[in-house]
Amino acid sequence: MILGLDISTSCTGACLLKDNGELVDLGYSKPKGDNIFEKARCVSDFLKKFTQKYEITSIFIEENMQAFRPGLSSAKTLMTLARFNGIISQLCYSEFSIVPLYLNVNASRKNLGIKLVRKNKGGKPTKEQIFEWVESDLATYSNAYQWPTKIMKSGPRKGKTIIDTASYDMADAYVIARAGFLNN
């Protein structure tokens, strides 16, 4: 099995593919805790439950951001994410005895033929475009995937059922796993 991860301190997405590229499962962990070590324990517990019935043979992790992007991440945020990524990578190695391989998200998207339309050219936000690509790709392999949902509790959409934002992290993990499958 191939495990693809999109690691973050707010939500870690995970994807399991068979060695033939077929989807086995998608999931996520929204780690709780006052520090990255408590959050890492939550992700570790999730990964153990998520993968307990499968033999993992490869692990692919989305590479850390290497540079600042205006308006997105501060140096402190980048360092925290890199530290957390390292902790989860070590946990994966300890749990599965597999050295994780890191994939650049842009190269992964390119290898999969994902073409994004920039916002200034009328495109949707990147996360929505990736989500739509994953939905379309999954539809070619199986029935529609049932993404996690939540019911809005307030605001103009109160009572409306929407896709949970964790779905975007799961979609990112799918892209990494799928790119890892192509590189495997």
C-alpha atoms as a PDB file:
ATOM      1  CA  MET A   1       0.000   0.000   0.000  1.00  0.00           C
ATOM      2  CA  ILE A   2       1.016   3.560  -0.704  1.00  0.00           C
ATOM      3  CA  LEU A   3       0.435   6.166   1.997  1.00  0.00           C
ATOM      4  CA  GLY A   4       0.247   9.816   0.918  1.00  0.00           C
ATOM      5  CA  LEU A   5       0.251  12.567   3.523  1.00  0.00           C
ATOM      6  CA  ASP A   6      -0.481  16.283   3.548  1.00  0.00           C
ATOM      7  CA  ILE A   7       0.856  17.275   6.964  1.00  0.00           C
ATOM      8  CA  SER A   8      -0.292  20.351   8.863  1.00  0.00           C
ATOM      9  CA  THR A   9      -0.770  21.303  12.499  1.00  0.00           C
ATOM     10  CA  SER A  10      -4.432  22.136  11.835  1.00  0.00           C
ATOM     11  CA  CYS A  11      -5.403  19.161   9.640  1.00  0.00           C
ATOM     12  CA  THR A  12      -3.396  16.257   8.249  1.00  0.00           C
ATOM     13  CA  GLY A  13      -4.864  14.529   5.221  1.00  0.00           C
ATOM     14  CA  ALA A  14      -4.052  10.907   4.420  1.00  0.00           C
ATOM     15  CA  CYS A  15      -4.617   8.699   1.402  1.00  0.00           C
ATOM     16  CA  LEU A  16      -4.075   4.978   0.967  1.00  0.00           C
ATOM     17  CA  LEU A  17      -3.680   3.509  -2.503  1.00  0.00           C
ATOM     18  CA  LYS A  18      -3.114  -0.096  -3.491  1.00  0.00           C
ATOM     19  CA  ASP A  19       0.148  -0.770  -5.297  1.00  0.00           C
ATOM     20  CA  ASN A  20      -1.896  -0.727  -8.536  1.00  0.00           C
ATOM     21  CA  GLY A  21      -3.073   2.835  -7.797  1.00  0.00           C
ATOM     22  CA  GLU A  22      -6.613   1.947  -6.709  1.00  0.00           C
ATOM     23  CA  LEU A  23      -8.016   4.039  -3.861  1.00  0.00           C
ATOM     24  CA  VAL A  24      -8.314   2.181  -0.568  1.00  0.00           C
ATOM     25  CA  ASP A  25      -9.164   5.001   1.810  1.00  0.00           C
ATOM     26  CA  LEU A  26      -9.004   8.724   2.501  1.00  0.00           C
ATOM     27  CA  GLY A  27      -8.997  10.267   5.945  1.00  0.00           C
ATOM     28  CA  TYR A  28      -7.888  13.152   8.088  1.00  0.00           C
ATOM     29  CA  SER A  29      -6.838  14.145  11.568  1.00  0.00           C
ATOM     30  CA  LYS A  30      -7.583  17.539  13.097  1.00  0.00           C
ATOM     31  CA  PRO A  31      -5.015  17.340  15.876  1.00  0.00           C
ATOM     32  CA  LYS A  32      -5.788  18.894  19.216  1.00  0.00           C
ATOM     33  CA  GLY A  33      -3.286  20.081  21.778  1.00  0.00           C
ATOM     34  CA  ASP A  34      -1.426  23.019  23.215  1.00  0.00           C
ATOM     35  CA  ASN A  35       1.848  22.225  21.442  1.00  0.00           C
ATOM     36  CA  ILE A  36       3.138  20.395  18.372  1.00  0.00           C
ATOM     37  CA  PHE A  37       4.040  17.310  20.399  1.00  0.00           C
ATOM     38  CA  GLU A  38       0.453  16.807  21.594  1.00  0.00           C
ATOM     39  CA  LYS A  39      -0.763  17.445  18.047  1.00  0.00           C
ATOM     40  CA  ALA A  40       1.787  14.945  16.728  1.00  0.00           C
ATOM     41  CA  ARG A  41       0.473  12.320  19.159  1.00  0.00           C
ATOM     42  CA  CYS A  42      -3.035  12.864  17.725  1.00  0.00           C
ATOM     43  CA  VAL A  43      -1.754  12.397  14.173  1.00  0.00           C
ATOM     44  CA  SER A  44       0.223   9.316  15.230  1.00  0.00           C
ATOM     45  CA  ASP A  45      -2.873   7.773  16.836  1.00  0.00           C
ATOM     46  CA  PHE A  46      -4.884   8.544  13.690  1.00  0.00           C
ATOM     47  CA  LEU A  47      -2.271   6.981  11.399  1.00  0.00           C
ATOM     48  CA  LYS A  48      -2.136   3.829  13.514  1.00  0.00           C
ATOM     49  CA  LYS A  49      -5.926   3.431  13.337  1.00  0.00           C
ATOM     50  CA  PHE A  50      -6.081   4.470   9.686  1.00  0.00           C
ATOM     51  CA  THR A  51      -3.443   2.005   8.563  1.00  0.00           C
ATOM     52  CA  GLN A  52      -3.725  -0.832  11.103  1.00  0.00           C
ATOM     53  CA  LYS A  53      -5.225  -3.330   8.664  1.00  0.00           C
ATOM     54  CA  TYR A  54      -2.903  -2.563   5.747  1.00  0.00           C
ATOM     55  CA  GLU A  55       0.728  -3.274   5.006  1.00  0.00           C
ATOM     56  CA  ILE A  56       2.282   0.033   4.011  1.00  0.00           C
ATOM     57  CA  THR A  57       5.089  -0.316   1.456  1.00  0.00           C
ATOM     58  CA  SER A  58       5.701   3.333   0.495  1.00  0.00           C
ATOM     59  CA  ILE A  59       5.146   6.687   2.183  1.00  0.00           C
ATOM     60  CA  PHE A  60       5.021   9.954   0.271  1.00  0.00           C
ATOM     61  CA  ILE A  61       4.795  13.287   2.049  1.00  0.00           C
ATOM     62  CA  GLU A  62       4.168  16.718   0.591  1.00  0.00           C
ATOM     63  CA  GLU A  63       7.447  18.596   0.770  1.00  0.00           C
ATOM     64  CA  ASN A  64       7.664  21.664   3.016  1.00  0.00           C
ATOM     65  CA  MET A  65       7.269  25.082   1.440  1.00  0.00           C
ATOM     66  CA  GLN A  66      10.742  26.297   0.542  1.00  0.00           C
ATOM     67  CA  ALA A  67      10.043  30.020   0.209  1.00  0.00           C
ATOM     68  CA  PHE A  68       7.775  32.768   1.407  1.00  0.00           C
ATOM     69  CA  ARG A  69       4.660  33.552  -0.560  1.00  0.00           C
ATOM     70  CA  PRO A  70       3.298  37.045  -0.025  1.00  0.00           C
ATOM     71  CA  GLY A  71       0.300  37.146   2.275  1.00  0.00           C
ATOM     72  CA  LEU A  72       0.376  33.452   3.161  1.00  0.00           C
ATOM     73  CA  SER A  73       2.969  32.316   5.678  1.00  0.00           C
ATOM     74  CA  SER A  74       5.330  33.987   8.103  1.00  0.00           C
ATOM     75  CA  ALA A  75       8.794  32.650   8.923  1.00  0.00           C
ATOM     76  CA  LYS A  76       7.420  31.409  12.258  1.00  0.00           C
ATOM     77  CA  THR A  77       4.606  29.502  10.521  1.00  0.00           C
ATOM     78  CA  LEU A  78       7.005  27.934   8.004  1.00  0.00           C
ATOM     79  CA  MET A  79       9.344  26.833  10.800  1.00  0.00           C
ATOM     80  CA  THR A  80       6.497  25.354  12.853  1.00  0.00           C
ATOM     81  CA  LEU A  81       5.175  23.442   9.836  1.00  0.00           C
ATOM     82  CA  ALA A  82       8.666  22.168   8.962  1.00  0.00           C
ATOM     83  CA  ARG A  83       9.206  21.045  12.560  1.00  0.00           C
ATOM     84  CA  PHE A  84       5.816  19.297  12.641  1.00  0.00           C
ATOM     85  CA  ASN A  85       6.485  17.668   9.258  1.00  0.00           C
ATOM     86  CA  GLY A  86       9.776  16.324  10.662  1.00  0.00           C
ATOM     87  CA  ILE A  87       8.089  14.922  13.763  1.00  0.00           C
ATOM     88  CA  ILE A  88       5.379  13.164  11.729  1.00  0.00           C
ATOM     89  CA  SER A  89       8.013  11.879   9.284  1.00  0.00           C
ATOM     90  CA  GLN A  90       9.937  10.335  12.194  1.00  0.00           C
ATOM     91  CA  LEU A  91       6.727   8.812  13.564  1.00  0.00           C
ATOM     92  CA  CYS A  92       6.051   7.259  10.147  1.00  0.00           C
ATOM     93  CA  TYR A  93       9.559   5.817  10.059  1.00  0.00           C
ATOM     94  CA  SER A  94       9.198   4.466  13.606  1.00  0.00           C
ATOM     95  CA  GLU A  95       5.760   2.951  12.922  1.00  0.00           C
ATOM     96  CA  PHE A  96       6.368   1.473   9.457  1.00  0.00           C
ATOM     97  CA  SER A  97      10.199   1.221   9.173  1.00  0.00           C
ATOM     98  CA  ILE A  98       9.920   3.063   5.857  1.00  0.00           C
ATOM     99  CA  VAL A  99      11.874   6.177   4.957  1.00  0.00           C
ATOM    100  CA  PRO A 100       9.296   8.661   3.669  1.00  0.00           C
ATOM    101  CA  LEU A 101       9.901  10.281   0.298  1.00  0.00           C
ATOM    102  CA  TYR A 102       9.093  13.967  -0.103  1.00  0.00           C
ATOM    103  CA  LEU A 103       7.331  15.250  -3.192  1.00  0.00           C
ATOM    104  CA  ASN A 104       7.085  18.838  -4.343  1.00  0.00           C
ATOM    105  CA  VAL A 105       3.410  19.714  -4.668  1.00  0.00           C
ATOM    106  CA  ASN A 106       3.866  21.705  -7.891  1.00  0.00           C
ATOM    107  CA  ALA A 107       5.905  18.948  -9.561  1.00  0.00           C
ATOM    108  CA  SER A 108       3.322  16.386  -8.387  1.00  0.00           C
ATOM    109  CA  ARG A 109       0.477  18.377  -9.902  1.00  0.00           C
ATOM    110  CA  LYS A 110       2.397  18.768 -13.148  1.00  0.00           C
ATOM    111  CA  ASN A 111       3.163  15.023 -13.318  1.00  0.00           C
ATOM    112  CA  LEU A 112      -0.555  14.302 -12.890  1.00  0.00           C
ATOM    113  CA  GLY A 113      -1.503  16.784 -15.609  1.00  0.00           C
ATOM    114  CA  ILE A 114      -3.314  19.127 -13.241  1.00  0.00           C
ATOM    115  CA  LYS A 115      -3.561  22.529 -14.843  1.00  0.00           C
ATOM    116  CA  LEU A 116      -4.537  25.339 -12.509  1.00  0.00           C
ATOM    117  CA  VAL A 117      -6.133  28.577 -13.652  1.00  0.00           C
ATOM    118  CA  ARG A 118      -4.750  31.530 -11.711  1.00  0.00           C
ATOM    119  CA  LYS A 119      -7.199  33.700  -9.802  1.00  0.00           C
ATOM    120  CA  ASN A 120      -6.213  36.768 -11.833  1.00  0.00           C
ATOM    121  CA  LYS A 121      -7.285  34.847 -14.952  1.00  0.00           C
ATOM    122  CA  GLY A 122     -10.692  33.956 -13.532  1.00  0.00           C
ATOM    123  CA  GLY A 123      -9.754  30.721 -11.770  1.00  0.00           C
ATOM    124  CA  LYS A 124     -11.184  29.427  -8.515  1.00  0.00           C
ATOM    125  CA  PRO A 125      -8.991  29.154  -5.417  1.00  0.00           C
ATOM    126  CA  THR A 126      -6.310  26.484  -5.836  1.00  0.00           C
ATOM    127  CA  LYS A 127      -7.777  24.240  -3.118  1.00  0.00           C
ATOM    128  CA  GLU A 128     -11.123  24.158  -4.954  1.00  0.00           C
ATOM    129  CA  GLN A 129      -9.479  23.359  -8.299  1.00  0.00           C
ATOM    130  CA  ILE A 130      -7.475  20.515  -6.724  1.00  0.00           C
ATOM    131  CA  PHE A 131     -10.586  19.182  -4.995  1.00  0.00           C
ATOM    132  CA  GLU A 132     -12.503  19.192  -8.309  1.00  0.00           C
ATOM    133  CA  TRP A 133      -9.615  17.419 -10.082  1.00  0.00           C
ATOM    134  CA  VAL A 134      -9.523  14.736  -7.371  1.00  0.00           C
ATOM    135  CA  GLU A 135     -13.299  14.246  -7.547  1.00  0.00           C
ATOM    136  CA  SER A 136     -13.033  13.856 -11.312  1.00  0.00           C
ATOM    137  CA  ASP A 137     -10.061  11.484 -11.056  1.00  0.00           C
ATOM    138  CA  LEU A 138     -11.786   9.353  -8.443  1.00  0.00           C
ATOM    139  CA  ALA A 139     -14.885   9.132 -10.650  1.00  0.00           C
ATOM    140  CA  THR A 140     -12.784   7.434 -13.345  1.00  0.00           C
ATOM    141  CA  TYR A 141     -11.807   4.669 -10.898  1.00  0.00           C
ATOM    142  CA  SER A 142     -14.967   4.146  -8.875  1.00  0.00           C
ATOM    143  CA  ASN A 143     -18.252   5.615  -7.729  1.00  0.00           C
ATOM    144  CA  ALA A 144     -18.352   9.110  -6.291  1.00  0.00           C
ATOM    145  CA  TYR A 145     -16.415   9.375  -3.053  1.00  0.00           C
ATOM    146  CA  GLN A 146     -18.414  10.473  -0.003  1.00  0.00           C
ATOM    147  CA  TRP A 147     -16.483  13.433   1.364  1.00  0.00           C
ATOM    148  CA  PRO A 148     -16.948  14.476   5.003  1.00  0.00           C
ATOM    149  CA  THR A 149     -19.589  17.155   5.483  1.00  0.00           C
ATOM    150  CA  LYS A 150     -20.725  19.502   8.198  1.00  0.00           C
ATOM    151  CA  ILE A 151     -23.890  21.484   8.855  1.00  0.00           C
ATOM    152  CA  MET A 152     -23.432  25.233   9.132  1.00  0.00           C
ATOM    153  CA  LYS A 153     -24.496  26.463  12.572  1.00  0.00           C
ATOM    154  CA  SER A 154     -24.679  30.177  11.890  1.00  0.00           C
ATOM    155  CA  GLY A 155     -24.497  32.856   9.216  1.00  0.00           C
ATOM    156  CA  PRO A 156     -26.275  33.077   5.883  1.00  0.00           C
ATOM    157  CA  ARG A 157     -25.730  29.354   5.218  1.00  0.00           C
ATOM    158  CA  LYS A 158     -27.096  28.240   8.625  1.00  0.00           C
ATOM    159  CA  GLY A 159     -28.561  24.733   8.365  1.00  0.00           C
ATOM    160  CA  LYS A 160     -26.913  24.050   5.005  1.00  0.00           C
ATOM    161  CA  THR A 161     -24.733  20.949   4.607  1.00  0.00           C
ATOM    162  CA  ILE A 162     -21.332  21.723   3.098  1.00  0.00           C
ATOM    163  CA  ILE A 163     -18.123  19.805   2.370  1.00  0.00           C
ATOM    164  CA  ASP A 164     -15.866  19.848   5.455  1.00  0.00           C
ATOM    165  CA  THR A 165     -12.661  21.814   4.864  1.00  0.00           C
ATOM    166  CA  ALA A 166     -10.688  18.679   5.811  1.00  0.00           C
ATOM    167  CA  SER A 167     -11.678  17.388   2.362  1.00  0.00           C
ATOM    168  CA  TYR A 168      -9.155  19.779   0.825  1.00  0.00           C
ATOM    169  CA  ASP A 169      -6.350  18.243   2.897  1.00  0.00           C
ATOM    170  CA  MET A 170      -7.545  14.766   1.935  1.00  0.00           C
ATOM    171  CA  ALA A 171      -7.525  15.835  -1.723  1.00  0.00           C
ATOM    172  CA  ASP A 172      -3.949  17.132  -1.331  1.00  0.00           C
ATOM    173  CA  ALA A 173      -2.944  13.794   0.217  1.00  0.00           C
ATOM    174  CA  TYR A 174      -4.560  12.010  -2.745  1.00  0.00           C
ATOM    175  CA  VAL A 175      -2.485  14.115  -5.166  1.00  0.00           C
ATOM    176  CA  ILE A 176       0.705  13.220  -3.272  1.00  0.00           C
ATOM    177  CA  ALA A 177      -0.201   9.516  -3.131  1.00  0.00           C
ATOM    178  CA  ARG A 178      -1.143   9.458  -6.822  1.00  0.00           C
ATOM    179  CA  ALA A 179       2.120  11.242  -7.776  1.00  0.00           C
ATOM    180  CA  GLY A 180       4.002   8.803  -5.548  1.00  0.00           C
ATOM    181  CA  PHE A 181       2.308   5.926  -7.353  1.00  0.00           C
ATOM    182  CA  LEU A 182       3.510   7.317 -10.694  1.00  0.00           C
ATOM    183  CA  ASN A 183       7.059   7.696  -9.320  1.00  0.00           C
ATOM    184  CA  ASN A 184       7.071   4.270  -7.659  1.00  0.00           C
END
